[in-house]
Each structure stands twice: as C-alpha cells, then as structure tokens.
Amino acid sequence: MMDFSLEQNDLKIINGDISLCKNYVDATAQAIAIQLKTFSGEWFLDNNIGIPYLSQVLGKKRSDRFLKNLIVQEISKISNIKELSNFSFNEGVLPRTIAIKFNVILSDKSLILINESIGV
C-alpha cells in the first residue's frame, strides 16, 4: 500500500513535488489516523463510513469495551492489519474530546503505535 504523505491534514510537498509515504508501515499508520478521524456521516458518498463520535461517543459515558469495539470495527477495514491491542481511552483536555492509544501489529509483524486525539 502506498499513499500520498500528509502533513497537518494537507499534502506534503518537498521541492515542489507531492511526497509519498516512505513505506507501507507509514502508509498504514496514516490510513489508521484517517479512519480514526473520520466521523460517521462525514463523507457524502457513503454515510456508513466513519466512527459515530457525535451520536455515541463524545459527551457520553461509555465503557472502554464499547469504544474498543467501535474502533476495531472501523480499523479492521484496513488491509495488512493482523492485531490491535493495548487500548486506552482518556477524556481529552478540551470538552468533547477523547484521546485514543493502541498498538497495531501488521501482517509482517511490524508494530505501529497509535496515539490520536479526536474532538469537535
């Protein structure tokens, strides 16, 4: 899997050229970050894509198990992922935010550490 490299939610440009992710591990980590930051109903071509943060997560008391299931269901759509583990969820610094941390093991046994903050 190769992808355009993103930097601060925009294409990364180096010497006037669009940069690609260095390897498939970086591309997979970027794909996971994009999946985590996509809110349910956000993409007009498919309202089923995304995590229902507004309706089921932010501003509500939910168990870690419930949150883990939502995330695993969405992240499992990405190829090359073998296992997700060591989930932790914390309320963010700002209201209606959540900090998500977990490990991803890829099919070639590469490890990716995910640490994202989601909010509105």
N, C-alpha and C. Protein backbone atom coordinates (compact mmCIF):
# COMPACT_ATOMS: atom_id res chain seq x y z
N MET A 1 0.85 -1.17 0.00
CA MET A 1 0.00 0.00 0.00
C MET A 1 0.90 1.24 0.00
N MET A 2 0.68 2.11 -0.95
CA MET A 2 1.39 3.39 -0.97
C MET A 2 0.33 4.49 -0.98
N ASP A 3 0.72 5.64 -0.46
CA ASP A 3 -0.23 6.74 -0.36
C ASP A 3 0.54 8.05 -0.39
N PHE A 4 -0.17 9.12 -0.72
CA PHE A 4 0.42 10.44 -0.60
C PHE A 4 0.68 10.73 0.87
N SER A 5 1.77 11.35 1.16
CA SER A 5 2.10 11.70 2.54
C SER A 5 1.36 12.97 2.93
N LEU A 6 0.77 12.95 4.12
CA LEU A 6 0.04 14.11 4.62
C LEU A 6 0.82 14.76 5.77
N GLU A 7 0.69 16.09 5.84
CA GLU A 7 1.33 16.83 6.91
C GLU A 7 0.34 17.91 7.33
N GLN A 8 -0.10 17.89 8.57
CA GLN A 8 -1.09 18.83 9.08
C GLN A 8 -2.34 18.86 8.20
N ASN A 9 -2.83 17.66 7.87
CA ASN A 9 -4.05 17.46 7.09
C ASN A 9 -3.98 18.02 5.67
N ASP A 10 -2.80 18.11 5.12
CA ASP A 10 -2.63 18.57 3.74
C ASP A 10 -1.52 17.76 3.09
N LEU A 11 -1.50 17.76 1.75
CA LEU A 11 -0.45 17.04 1.04
C LEU A 11 0.91 17.59 1.42
N LYS A 12 1.85 16.70 1.62
CA LYS A 12 3.22 17.10 1.94
C LYS A 12 3.96 17.35 0.62
N ILE A 13 4.52 18.55 0.48
CA ILE A 13 5.23 18.94 -0.74
C ILE A 13 6.71 19.09 -0.39
N ILE A 14 7.57 18.42 -1.16
CA ILE A 14 9.01 18.53 -0.98
C ILE A 14 9.61 18.92 -2.33
N ASN A 15 10.29 20.06 -2.36
CA ASN A 15 10.92 20.56 -3.59
C ASN A 15 9.92 20.63 -4.75
N GLY A 16 8.71 21.05 -4.45
CA GLY A 16 7.69 21.21 -5.48
C GLY A 16 6.99 19.94 -5.91
N ASP A 17 7.34 18.80 -5.32
CA ASP A 17 6.70 17.53 -5.67
C ASP A 17 5.87 17.00 -4.51
N ILE A 18 4.79 16.32 -4.84
CA ILE A 18 3.97 15.67 -3.82
C ILE A 18 4.75 14.47 -3.30
N SER A 19 4.86 14.39 -1.99
CA SER A 19 5.63 13.32 -1.35
C SER A 19 4.76 12.09 -1.11
N LEU A 20 5.36 10.93 -1.24
CA LEU A 20 4.69 9.67 -0.92
C LEU A 20 5.14 9.21 0.46
N CYS A 21 4.34 8.38 1.10
CA CYS A 21 4.76 7.77 2.36
C CYS A 21 6.03 6.96 2.12
N LYS A 22 6.93 6.93 3.09
CA LYS A 22 8.23 6.28 2.93
C LYS A 22 8.10 4.78 2.69
N ASN A 23 7.14 4.15 3.36
CA ASN A 23 6.97 2.70 3.24
C ASN A 23 5.53 2.34 3.59
N TYR A 24 5.21 1.07 3.48
CA TYR A 24 3.82 0.67 3.72
C TYR A 24 3.44 0.78 5.19
N VAL A 25 4.41 0.74 6.10
CA VAL A 25 4.11 0.91 7.53
C VAL A 25 3.62 2.33 7.77
N ASP A 26 4.32 3.33 7.21
CA ASP A 26 3.89 4.72 7.34
C ASP A 26 2.54 4.94 6.67
N ALA A 27 2.34 4.31 5.51
CA ALA A 27 1.07 4.45 4.80
C ALA A 27 -0.08 3.84 5.61
N THR A 28 0.18 2.71 6.25
CA THR A 28 -0.85 2.07 7.08
C THR A 28 -1.15 2.92 8.31
N ALA A 29 -0.12 3.47 8.95
CA ALA A 29 -0.32 4.34 10.11
C ALA A 29 -1.15 5.56 9.72
N GLN A 30 -0.87 6.11 8.56
CA GLN A 30 -1.63 7.26 8.08
C GLN A 30 -3.08 6.87 7.79
N ALA A 31 -3.29 5.69 7.20
CA ALA A 31 -4.65 5.21 6.92
C ALA A 31 -5.44 5.03 8.21
N ILE A 32 -4.78 4.52 9.26
CA ILE A 32 -5.44 4.34 10.55
C ILE A 32 -5.83 5.70 11.12
N ALA A 33 -4.93 6.66 11.07
CA ALA A 33 -5.22 8.01 11.58
C ALA A 33 -6.42 8.61 10.84
N ILE A 34 -6.46 8.42 9.53
CA ILE A 34 -7.58 8.95 8.75
C ILE A 34 -8.89 8.27 9.16
N GLN A 35 -8.87 6.95 9.32
CA GLN A 35 -10.07 6.22 9.75
C GLN A 35 -10.56 6.71 11.12
N LEU A 36 -9.61 6.91 12.04
CA LEU A 36 -9.97 7.36 13.39
C LEU A 36 -10.57 8.76 13.38
N LYS A 37 -10.13 9.59 12.47
CA LYS A 37 -10.58 10.99 12.44
C LYS A 37 -11.79 11.21 11.54
N THR A 38 -12.31 10.14 10.93
CA THR A 38 -13.48 10.27 10.08
C THR A 38 -14.74 10.03 10.90
N PHE A 39 -15.57 11.05 10.97
CA PHE A 39 -16.81 10.96 11.73
C PHE A 39 -17.88 10.30 10.87
N SER A 40 -18.71 9.49 11.49
CA SER A 40 -19.80 8.82 10.79
C SER A 40 -20.68 9.86 10.09
N GLY A 41 -20.99 9.60 8.82
CA GLY A 41 -21.83 10.50 8.04
C GLY A 41 -21.08 11.67 7.42
N GLU A 42 -19.79 11.77 7.67
CA GLU A 42 -19.00 12.90 7.17
C GLU A 42 -18.80 12.86 5.66
N TRP A 43 -18.60 11.66 5.11
CA TRP A 43 -18.34 11.55 3.68
C TRP A 43 -19.64 11.40 2.93
N PHE A 44 -19.95 12.35 2.06
CA PHE A 44 -21.24 12.39 1.40
C PHE A 44 -21.49 11.20 0.46
N LEU A 45 -20.45 10.52 0.01
CA LEU A 45 -20.64 9.40 -0.91
C LEU A 45 -21.00 8.10 -0.19
N ASP A 46 -20.71 8.02 1.10
CA ASP A 46 -21.05 6.82 1.88
C ASP A 46 -21.20 7.20 3.34
N ASN A 47 -22.43 7.38 3.79
CA ASN A 47 -22.71 7.79 5.17
C ASN A 47 -22.37 6.72 6.20
N ASN A 48 -22.09 5.49 5.76
CA ASN A 48 -21.77 4.41 6.69
C ASN A 48 -20.30 4.40 7.11
N ILE A 49 -19.47 5.16 6.42
CA ILE A 49 -18.04 5.21 6.75
C ILE A 49 -17.83 6.16 7.93
N GLY A 50 -16.98 5.75 8.86
CA GLY A 50 -16.63 6.61 9.98
C GLY A 50 -17.12 6.07 11.31
N ILE A 51 -16.65 6.70 12.36
CA ILE A 51 -16.99 6.31 13.73
C ILE A 51 -18.04 7.30 14.25
N PRO A 52 -19.10 6.82 14.89
CA PRO A 52 -20.18 7.69 15.35
C PRO A 52 -19.83 8.47 16.63
N TYR A 53 -18.80 9.31 16.53
CA TYR A 53 -18.36 10.07 17.70
C TYR A 53 -19.46 10.99 18.23
N LEU A 54 -20.13 11.72 17.36
CA LEU A 54 -21.12 12.70 17.81
C LEU A 54 -22.34 12.06 18.45
N SER A 55 -22.80 10.96 17.91
CA SER A 55 -24.02 10.35 18.43
C SER A 55 -23.78 9.33 19.54
N GLN A 56 -22.57 8.71 19.59
CA GLN A 56 -22.38 7.62 20.54
C GLN A 56 -21.17 7.74 21.45
N VAL A 57 -20.29 8.73 21.22
CA VAL A 57 -19.05 8.75 22.00
C VAL A 57 -18.86 10.05 22.76
N LEU A 58 -18.65 11.15 22.06
CA LEU A 58 -18.28 12.41 22.70
C LEU A 58 -19.43 12.96 23.54
N GLY A 59 -19.12 13.34 24.76
CA GLY A 59 -20.13 13.87 25.68
C GLY A 59 -20.95 12.80 26.37
N LYS A 60 -20.60 11.54 26.19
CA LYS A 60 -21.34 10.43 26.80
C LYS A 60 -20.38 9.57 27.62
N LYS A 61 -20.91 8.94 28.62
CA LYS A 61 -20.11 7.99 29.41
C LYS A 61 -20.22 6.63 28.76
N ARG A 62 -19.12 6.16 28.20
CA ARG A 62 -19.09 4.86 27.53
C ARG A 62 -17.97 4.02 28.11
N SER A 63 -18.18 2.73 28.13
CA SER A 63 -17.14 1.83 28.63
C SER A 63 -16.01 1.71 27.62
N ASP A 64 -14.84 1.37 28.11
CA ASP A 64 -13.70 1.14 27.21
C ASP A 64 -14.00 0.03 26.22
N ARG A 65 -14.74 -0.96 26.66
CA ARG A 65 -15.09 -2.08 25.78
C ARG A 65 -15.95 -1.61 24.60
N PHE A 66 -16.92 -0.76 24.88
CA PHE A 66 -17.77 -0.21 23.83
C PHE A 66 -16.94 0.58 22.82
N LEU A 67 -16.06 1.45 23.33
CA LEU A 67 -15.21 2.26 22.45
C LEU A 67 -14.26 1.39 21.63
N LYS A 68 -13.69 0.38 22.28
CA LYS A 68 -12.78 -0.53 21.58
C LYS A 68 -13.50 -1.22 20.43
N ASN A 69 -14.71 -1.69 20.66
CA ASN A 69 -15.47 -2.37 19.61
C ASN A 69 -15.75 -1.45 18.42
N LEU A 70 -16.10 -0.19 18.69
CA LEU A 70 -16.32 0.76 17.60
C LEU A 70 -15.07 0.95 16.76
N ILE A 71 -13.93 1.09 17.44
CA ILE A 71 -12.67 1.35 16.74
C ILE A 71 -12.19 0.12 15.99
N VAL A 72 -12.25 -1.03 16.63
CA VAL A 72 -11.81 -2.27 15.98
C VAL A 72 -12.64 -2.51 14.72
N GLN A 73 -13.93 -2.29 14.80
CA GLN A 73 -14.81 -2.49 13.65
C GLN A 73 -14.38 -1.60 12.48
N GLU A 74 -14.00 -0.37 12.74
CA GLU A 74 -13.63 0.55 11.67
C GLU A 74 -12.20 0.29 11.17
N ILE A 75 -11.26 0.09 12.08
CA ILE A 75 -9.85 -0.09 11.72
C ILE A 75 -9.63 -1.42 11.01
N SER A 76 -10.44 -2.42 11.30
CA SER A 76 -10.28 -3.74 10.68
C SER A 76 -10.52 -3.71 9.17
N LYS A 77 -11.07 -2.63 8.66
CA LYS A 77 -11.30 -2.49 7.22
C LYS A 77 -10.01 -2.23 6.45
N ILE A 78 -8.95 -1.86 7.17
CA ILE A 78 -7.67 -1.55 6.54
C ILE A 78 -6.89 -2.84 6.34
N SER A 79 -6.31 -3.00 5.15
CA SER A 79 -5.54 -4.22 4.87
C SER A 79 -4.22 -4.23 5.63
N ASN A 80 -3.63 -5.39 5.74
CA ASN A 80 -2.34 -5.64 6.39
C ASN A 80 -2.38 -5.63 7.91
N ILE A 81 -3.54 -5.41 8.51
CA ILE A 81 -3.61 -5.38 9.98
C ILE A 81 -3.92 -6.78 10.49
N LYS A 82 -3.07 -7.25 11.39
CA LYS A 82 -3.24 -8.57 11.95
C LYS A 82 -3.89 -8.51 13.33
N GLU A 83 -3.48 -7.53 14.16
CA GLU A 83 -3.96 -7.48 15.54
C GLU A 83 -3.94 -6.05 16.07
N LEU A 84 -4.93 -5.74 16.89
CA LEU A 84 -4.99 -4.47 17.62
C LEU A 84 -4.96 -4.81 19.11
N SER A 85 -4.15 -4.08 19.89
CA SER A 85 -4.03 -4.42 21.31
C SER A 85 -3.69 -3.18 22.14
N ASN A 86 -3.71 -3.38 23.46
CA ASN A 86 -3.32 -2.36 24.45
C ASN A 86 -4.07 -1.04 24.28
N PHE A 87 -5.39 -1.14 24.20
CA PHE A 87 -6.21 0.05 24.05
C PHE A 87 -6.26 0.85 25.35
N SER A 88 -6.22 2.17 25.22
CA SER A 88 -6.52 3.04 26.36
C SER A 88 -7.27 4.26 25.83
N PHE A 89 -8.23 4.70 26.61
CA PHE A 89 -9.07 5.84 26.25
C PHE A 89 -9.08 6.80 27.44
N ASN A 90 -8.92 8.08 27.14
CA ASN A 90 -8.97 9.10 28.18
C ASN A 90 -9.74 10.29 27.65
N GLU A 91 -10.40 10.98 28.57
CA GLU A 91 -11.03 12.22 28.17
C GLU A 91 -9.94 13.19 27.76
N GLY A 92 -10.19 13.95 26.72
CA GLY A 92 -9.22 14.93 26.27
C GLY A 92 -9.16 16.13 27.18
N VAL A 93 -8.22 16.99 26.93
CA VAL A 93 -8.05 18.21 27.72
C VAL A 93 -9.24 19.15 27.53
N LEU A 94 -9.71 19.25 26.30
CA LEU A 94 -10.85 20.09 25.99
C LEU A 94 -12.14 19.30 26.10
N PRO A 95 -13.28 19.97 26.33
CA PRO A 95 -14.57 19.27 26.34
C PRO A 95 -14.84 18.58 25.00
N ARG A 96 -15.54 17.48 25.06
CA ARG A 96 -15.93 16.70 23.88
C ARG A 96 -14.72 16.27 23.05
N THR A 97 -13.67 15.84 23.74
CA THR A 97 -12.52 15.24 23.07
C THR A 97 -12.17 13.93 23.75
N ILE A 98 -11.51 13.07 23.01
CA ILE A 98 -11.09 11.78 23.55
C ILE A 98 -9.69 11.46 23.02
N ALA A 99 -8.84 10.95 23.89
CA ALA A 99 -7.50 10.50 23.49
C ALA A 99 -7.54 8.99 23.36
N ILE A 100 -7.06 8.49 22.23
CA ILE A 100 -7.10 7.06 21.93
C ILE A 100 -5.67 6.59 21.70
N LYS A 101 -5.30 5.52 22.39
CA LYS A 101 -3.98 4.92 22.20
C LYS A 101 -4.15 3.41 22.04
N PHE A 102 -3.39 2.84 21.11
CA PHE A 102 -3.38 1.39 20.95
C PHE A 102 -2.22 0.98 20.06
N ASN A 103 -1.94 -0.30 20.05
CA ASN A 103 -0.88 -0.88 19.22
C ASN A 103 -1.50 -1.63 18.06
N VAL A 104 -0.83 -1.59 16.94
CA VAL A 104 -1.26 -2.32 15.76
C VAL A 104 -0.11 -3.22 15.32
N ILE A 105 -0.40 -4.48 15.13
CA ILE A 105 0.58 -5.41 14.57
C ILE A 105 0.14 -5.73 13.15
N LEU A 106 1.06 -5.52 12.21
CA LEU A 106 0.76 -5.76 10.81
C LEU A 106 1.05 -7.21 10.44
N SER A 107 0.64 -7.60 9.26
CA SER A 107 0.81 -8.98 8.83
C SER A 107 2.28 -9.41 8.76
N ASP A 108 3.21 -8.47 8.58
CA ASP A 108 4.63 -8.81 8.58
C ASP A 108 5.26 -8.65 9.96
N LYS A 109 4.41 -8.49 10.99
CA LYS A 109 4.80 -8.36 12.40
C LYS A 109 5.41 -7.00 12.75
N SER A 110 5.29 -6.01 11.86
CA SER A 110 5.68 -4.65 12.19
C SER A 110 4.72 -4.10 13.23
N LEU A 111 5.22 -3.23 14.09
CA LEU A 111 4.41 -2.65 15.16
C LEU A 111 4.22 -1.16 14.90
N ILE A 112 2.98 -0.70 15.03
CA ILE A 112 2.67 0.72 14.91
C ILE A 112 2.01 1.14 16.22
N LEU A 113 2.48 2.24 16.79
CA LEU A 113 1.88 2.80 18.00
C LEU A 113 0.98 3.96 17.58
N ILE A 114 -0.28 3.87 17.92
CA ILE A 114 -1.25 4.90 17.55
C ILE A 114 -1.58 5.73 18.78
N ASN A 115 -1.53 7.04 18.65
CA ASN A 115 -1.85 7.96 19.73
C ASN A 115 -2.53 9.16 19.10
N GLU A 116 -3.86 9.17 19.11
CA GLU A 116 -4.63 10.21 18.44
C GLU A 116 -5.60 10.88 19.41
N SER A 117 -5.84 12.14 19.17
CA SER A 117 -6.84 12.89 19.92
C SER A 117 -7.96 13.28 18.96
N ILE A 118 -9.19 12.97 19.33
CA ILE A 118 -10.35 13.21 18.47
C ILE A 118 -11.29 14.13 19.21
N GLY A 119 -11.83 15.11 18.50
CA GLY A 119 -12.79 16.01 19.13
C GLY A 119 -13.44 16.93 18.13
N VAL A 120 -14.41 17.67 18.65
CA VAL A 120 -15.12 18.66 17.82
C VAL A 120 -14.94 20.02 18.41
